Amino acid sequence: MNKHELLTQLEESREKFLDSLEDLPQDHWIVPGVVGEWSIKDVLTHLSRWEAELVKLLWQARQGQRPTTIHLTQVDVDETNRLWYNEARNRSLEHVLEDFHTVRNQTFLRVEAFSDKELTDPKKFAWLSSRALWEWIASDSFEHEAEHATQIAAWRKKLGI
């Protein structure tokens, strides 16, 4: 996927995700049970935290550094998700939404800094284990978002909202 396609996908997936929440009253955004015990607010926090790690990875890669993000460590993903959930559960919905929008803006800026070759060459960054950079970007942004959008849609259907 080249840079233009990647940026388009980032924009379109975010619009689609937000459209799926548009008619949902905000008091429903804090109701647990959307994904396990998580509310929509918690899902947004979760997506933002992972995408923030992606932004850090992209910044470090652009600087010629081997990233120090969670992606390249031996952490337990479920434990990390629990930790991040506990850290953010008392944050206001307003702050969570601000983070959610801000991190995507940062992703756009970071992706724009790379050439098509840097994004698509699986050998460009040795630490990517023969995967192209765009694949890592997709995984922690629009693919991750789509996974949780499906869960939110199922929750809404179950509740009839």
C-alpha atoms as a PDB file:
ATOM      1  CA  MET A   1       0.000   0.000   0.000  1.00  0.00           C
ATOM      2  CA  ASN A   2       1.532   3.307  -1.024  1.00  0.00           C
ATOM      3  CA  LYS A   3       1.417   6.504   1.020  1.00  0.00           C
ATOM      4  CA  HIS A   4      -1.616   7.968  -0.726  1.00  0.00           C
ATOM      5  CA  GLU A   5      -3.604   4.755  -0.276  1.00  0.00           C
ATOM      6  CA  LEU A   6      -2.530   4.512   3.353  1.00  0.00           C
ATOM      7  CA  LEU A   7      -3.516   8.089   4.156  1.00  0.00           C
ATOM      8  CA  THR A   8      -6.842   7.611   2.382  1.00  0.00           C
ATOM      9  CA  GLN A   9      -7.513   4.441   4.355  1.00  0.00           C
ATOM     10  CA  LEU A  10      -6.627   6.174   7.628  1.00  0.00           C
ATOM     11  CA  GLU A  11      -9.077   8.975   6.868  1.00  0.00           C
ATOM     12  CA  GLU A  12     -11.911   6.823   5.533  1.00  0.00           C
ATOM     13  CA  SER A  13     -11.715   4.266   8.317  1.00  0.00           C
ATOM     14  CA  ARG A  14     -11.849   6.967  10.970  1.00  0.00           C
ATOM     15  CA  GLU A  15     -14.877   8.567   9.332  1.00  0.00           C
ATOM     16  CA  LYS A  16     -16.625   5.198   9.105  1.00  0.00           C
ATOM     17  CA  PHE A  17     -15.824   4.405  12.740  1.00  0.00           C
ATOM     18  CA  LEU A  18     -17.166   7.762  13.944  1.00  0.00           C
ATOM     19  CA  ASP A  19     -20.263   7.406  11.744  1.00  0.00           C
ATOM     20  CA  SER A  20     -21.050   4.158  13.545  1.00  0.00           C
ATOM     21  CA  LEU A  21     -21.188   6.088  16.835  1.00  0.00           C
ATOM     22  CA  GLU A  22     -22.867   9.239  15.555  1.00  0.00           C
ATOM     23  CA  ASP A  23     -26.444   8.582  16.643  1.00  0.00           C
ATOM     24  CA  LEU A  24     -25.527   6.934  19.938  1.00  0.00           C
ATOM     25  CA  PRO A  25     -26.348   9.120  22.969  1.00  0.00           C
ATOM     26  CA  GLN A  26     -23.187   9.932  24.889  1.00  0.00           C
ATOM     27  CA  ASP A  27     -24.531   8.402  28.100  1.00  0.00           C
ATOM     28  CA  HIS A  28     -24.283   5.050  26.284  1.00  0.00           C
ATOM     29  CA  TRP A  29     -20.571   5.671  25.637  1.00  0.00           C
ATOM     30  CA  ILE A  30     -19.735   4.857  29.252  1.00  0.00           C
ATOM     31  CA  VAL A  31     -21.886   1.734  29.621  1.00  0.00           C
ATOM     32  CA  PRO A  32     -19.695  -1.330  30.275  1.00  0.00           C
ATOM     33  CA  GLY A  33     -20.026  -4.518  28.275  1.00  0.00           C
ATOM     34  CA  VAL A  34     -19.158  -3.414  24.747  1.00  0.00           C
ATOM     35  CA  VAL A  35     -15.954  -5.458  24.677  1.00  0.00           C
ATOM     36  CA  GLY A  36     -15.737  -7.531  27.837  1.00  0.00           C
ATOM     37  CA  GLU A  37     -16.067  -5.015  30.665  1.00  0.00           C
ATOM     38  CA  TRP A  38     -15.078  -2.095  28.441  1.00  0.00           C
ATOM     39  CA  SER A  39     -17.384   0.724  27.422  1.00  0.00           C
ATOM     40  CA  ILE A  40     -17.085   2.601  24.139  1.00  0.00           C
ATOM     41  CA  LYS A  41     -15.045   5.188  26.030  1.00  0.00           C
ATOM     42  CA  ASP A  42     -12.672   2.409  27.111  1.00  0.00           C
ATOM     43  CA  VAL A  43     -12.437   1.088  23.547  1.00  0.00           C
ATOM     44  CA  LEU A  44     -11.538   4.590  22.344  1.00  0.00           C
ATOM     45  CA  THR A  45      -8.851   4.810  25.025  1.00  0.00           C
ATOM     46  CA  HIS A  46      -7.527   1.397  24.017  1.00  0.00           C
ATOM     47  CA  LEU A  47      -7.362   2.358  20.340  1.00  0.00           C
ATOM     48  CA  SER A  48      -5.681   5.657  21.205  1.00  0.00           C
ATOM     49  CA  ARG A  49      -3.014   4.036  23.379  1.00  0.00           C
ATOM     50  CA  TRP A  50      -2.041   1.517  20.720  1.00  0.00           C
ATOM     51  CA  GLU A  51      -2.005   4.158  18.024  1.00  0.00           C
ATOM     52  CA  ALA A  52       0.108   6.418  20.259  1.00  0.00           C
ATOM     53  CA  GLU A  53       2.656   3.608  20.426  1.00  0.00           C
ATOM     54  CA  LEU A  54       2.530   3.505  16.626  1.00  0.00           C
ATOM     55  CA  VAL A  55       3.160   7.258  16.441  1.00  0.00           C
ATOM     56  CA  LYS A  56       6.205   6.809  18.683  1.00  0.00           C
ATOM     57  CA  LEU A  57       7.419   3.923  16.511  1.00  0.00           C
ATOM     58  CA  LEU A  58       7.073   6.052  13.370  1.00  0.00           C
ATOM     59  CA  TRP A  59       8.845   9.006  14.951  1.00  0.00           C
ATOM     60  CA  GLN A  60      11.749   6.841  16.113  1.00  0.00           C
ATOM     61  CA  ALA A  61      11.988   5.128  12.722  1.00  0.00           C
ATOM     62  CA  ARG A  62      12.053   8.520  10.983  1.00  0.00           C
ATOM     63  CA  GLN A  63      14.947   9.503  13.264  1.00  0.00           C
ATOM     64  CA  GLY A  64      16.847   6.384  12.184  1.00  0.00           C
ATOM     65  CA  GLN A  65      16.391   4.748  15.578  1.00  0.00           C
ATOM     66  CA  ARG A  66      15.282   1.238  16.381  1.00  0.00           C
ATOM     67  CA  PRO A  67      11.905   1.802  18.055  1.00  0.00           C
ATOM     68  CA  THR A  68      11.539   1.204  21.768  1.00  0.00           C
ATOM     69  CA  THR A  69       7.774   0.830  21.579  1.00  0.00           C
ATOM     70  CA  ILE A  70       5.699  -1.953  23.011  1.00  0.00           C
ATOM     71  CA  HIS A  71       5.558  -3.565  19.566  1.00  0.00           C
ATOM     72  CA  LEU A  72       9.140  -4.751  19.829  1.00  0.00           C
ATOM     73  CA  THR A  73       9.091  -5.983  23.419  1.00  0.00           C
ATOM     74  CA  GLN A  74       8.048  -9.234  25.019  1.00  0.00           C
ATOM     75  CA  VAL A  75       5.134  -7.775  26.960  1.00  0.00           C
ATOM     76  CA  ASP A  76       1.875  -9.569  27.547  1.00  0.00           C
ATOM     77  CA  VAL A  77      -0.670  -7.726  25.387  1.00  0.00           C
ATOM     78  CA  ASP A  78      -3.615  -8.609  27.623  1.00  0.00           C
ATOM     79  CA  GLU A  79      -1.750  -7.398  30.702  1.00  0.00           C
ATOM     80  CA  THR A  80      -0.809  -4.177  28.901  1.00  0.00           C
ATOM     81  CA  ASN A  81      -4.433  -3.645  27.909  1.00  0.00           C
ATOM     82  CA  ARG A  82      -5.521  -4.170  31.538  1.00  0.00           C
ATOM     83  CA  LEU A  83      -2.879  -1.750  32.791  1.00  0.00           C
ATOM     84  CA  TRP A  84      -3.881   0.928  30.291  1.00  0.00           C
ATOM     85  CA  TYR A  85      -7.573   0.369  31.081  1.00  0.00           C
ATOM     86  CA  ASN A  86      -6.936   0.848  34.804  1.00  0.00           C
ATOM     87  CA  GLU A  87      -4.826   3.954  34.203  1.00  0.00           C
ATOM     88  CA  ALA A  88      -7.486   5.650  32.087  1.00  0.00           C
ATOM     89  CA  ARG A  89     -10.807   4.493  33.458  1.00  0.00           C
ATOM     90  CA  ASN A  90     -11.425   7.710  35.389  1.00  0.00           C
ATOM     91  CA  ARG A  91     -10.589  10.008  32.489  1.00  0.00           C
ATOM     92  CA  SER A  92     -13.448  12.072  31.180  1.00  0.00           C
ATOM     93  CA  LEU A  93     -15.081  11.190  27.886  1.00  0.00           C
ATOM     94  CA  GLU A  94     -14.113  14.643  26.642  1.00  0.00           C
ATOM     95  CA  HIS A  95     -10.405  13.956  27.233  1.00  0.00           C
ATOM     96  CA  VAL A  96     -10.659  10.472  25.745  1.00  0.00           C
ATOM     97  CA  LEU A  97     -12.238  11.883  22.562  1.00  0.00           C
ATOM     98  CA  GLU A  98      -9.574  14.581  22.370  1.00  0.00           C
ATOM     99  CA  ASP A  99      -6.851  11.922  22.571  1.00  0.00           C
ATOM    100  CA  PHE A 100      -8.646   9.778  19.998  1.00  0.00           C
ATOM    101  CA  HIS A 101      -8.680  12.597  17.436  1.00  0.00           C
ATOM    102  CA  THR A 102      -5.225  13.943  18.276  1.00  0.00           C
ATOM    103  CA  VAL A 103      -3.453  10.619  17.904  1.00  0.00           C
ATOM    104  CA  ARG A 104      -4.883  10.093  14.407  1.00  0.00           C
ATOM    105  CA  ASN A 105      -3.687  13.561  13.414  1.00  0.00           C
ATOM    106  CA  GLN A 106      -0.235  12.581  14.651  1.00  0.00           C
ATOM    107  CA  THR A 107      -0.401   9.341  12.676  1.00  0.00           C
ATOM    108  CA  PHE A 108      -1.148  11.337   9.514  1.00  0.00           C
ATOM    109  CA  LEU A 109       1.818  13.630  10.148  1.00  0.00           C
ATOM    110  CA  ARG A 110       4.171  10.722  10.809  1.00  0.00           C
ATOM    111  CA  VAL A 111       3.048   8.741   7.744  1.00  0.00           C
ATOM    112  CA  GLU A 112       3.453  11.809   5.523  1.00  0.00           C
ATOM    113  CA  ALA A 113       7.126  11.965   6.542  1.00  0.00           C
ATOM    114  CA  PHE A 114       7.876   8.649   4.814  1.00  0.00           C
ATOM    115  CA  SER A 115       8.359   7.953   1.130  1.00  0.00           C
ATOM    116  CA  ASP A 116       6.437   5.255  -0.707  1.00  0.00           C
ATOM    117  CA  LYS A 117       9.593   3.170  -0.816  1.00  0.00           C
ATOM    118  CA  GLU A 118      10.111   3.439   2.944  1.00  0.00           C
ATOM    119  CA  LEU A 119       6.511   2.425   3.561  1.00  0.00           C
ATOM    120  CA  THR A 120       6.446  -0.519   1.149  1.00  0.00           C
ATOM    121  CA  ASP A 121       9.946  -2.040   1.222  1.00  0.00           C
ATOM    122  CA  PRO A 122       9.910  -4.983   3.665  1.00  0.00           C
ATOM    123  CA  LYS A 123      13.711  -4.808   3.915  1.00  0.00           C
ATOM    124  CA  LYS A 124      13.963  -1.097   4.723  1.00  0.00           C
ATOM    125  CA  PHE A 125      13.703  -1.547   8.501  1.00  0.00           C
ATOM    126  CA  ALA A 126      15.388  -4.697   9.801  1.00  0.00           C
ATOM    127  CA  TRP A 127      13.451  -4.584  13.065  1.00  0.00           C
ATOM    128  CA  LEU A 128      10.181  -5.079  11.147  1.00  0.00           C
ATOM    129  CA  SER A 129      10.941  -8.771  10.595  1.00  0.00           C
ATOM    130  CA  SER A 130      10.498  -8.599   6.806  1.00  0.00           C
ATOM    131  CA  ARG A 131       7.182  -6.758   6.973  1.00  0.00           C
ATOM    132  CA  ALA A 132       6.599  -3.465   5.231  1.00  0.00           C
ATOM    133  CA  LEU A 133       6.110  -0.442   7.467  1.00  0.00           C
ATOM    134  CA  TRP A 134       2.630   0.186   6.048  1.00  0.00           C
ATOM    135  CA  GLU A 135       1.548  -3.217   7.411  1.00  0.00           C
ATOM    136  CA  TRP A 136       2.495  -2.180  10.953  1.00  0.00           C
ATOM    137  CA  ILE A 137       0.679   1.114  10.481  1.00  0.00           C
ATOM    138  CA  ALA A 138      -2.456  -0.668   9.236  1.00  0.00           C
ATOM    139  CA  SER A 139      -2.372  -3.144  12.101  1.00  0.00           C
ATOM    140  CA  ASP A 140      -2.352  -0.499  14.842  1.00  0.00           C
ATOM    141  CA  SER A 141      -4.693   1.973  13.202  1.00  0.00           C
ATOM    142  CA  PHE A 142      -7.461   1.190  10.744  1.00  0.00           C
ATOM    143  CA  GLU A 143      -7.364  -2.608  11.048  1.00  0.00           C
ATOM    144  CA  HIS A 144      -7.476  -2.359  14.836  1.00  0.00           C
ATOM    145  CA  GLU A 145     -10.264   0.188  14.603  1.00  0.00           C
ATOM    146  CA  ALA A 146     -12.272  -2.089  12.265  1.00  0.00           C
ATOM    147  CA  GLU A 147     -11.928  -4.993  14.699  1.00  0.00           C
ATOM    148  CA  HIS A 148     -13.465  -2.951  17.501  1.00  0.00           C
ATOM    149  CA  ALA A 149     -16.072  -1.334  15.242  1.00  0.00           C
ATOM    150  CA  THR A 150     -17.406  -4.826  14.550  1.00  0.00           C
ATOM    151  CA  GLN A 151     -17.626  -5.491  18.289  1.00  0.00           C
ATOM    152  CA  ILE A 152     -19.413  -2.186  18.875  1.00  0.00           C
ATOM    153  CA  ALA A 153     -21.905  -2.959  16.090  1.00  0.00           C
ATOM    154  CA  ALA A 154     -22.613  -6.381  17.648  1.00  0.00           C
ATOM    155  CA  TRP A 155     -23.132  -4.770  21.077  1.00  0.00           C
ATOM    156  CA  ARG A 156     -25.501  -2.187  19.622  1.00  0.00           C
ATOM    157  CA  LYS A 157     -27.451  -4.867  17.793  1.00  0.00           C
ATOM    158  CA  LYS A 158     -27.719  -6.970  20.954  1.00  0.00           C
ATOM    159  CA  LEU A 159     -29.074  -3.970  22.878  1.00  0.00           C
ATOM    160  CA  GLY A 160     -31.212  -2.746  19.990  1.00  0.00           C
ATOM    161  CA  ILE A 161     -29.575   0.695  19.898  1.00  0.00           C
END
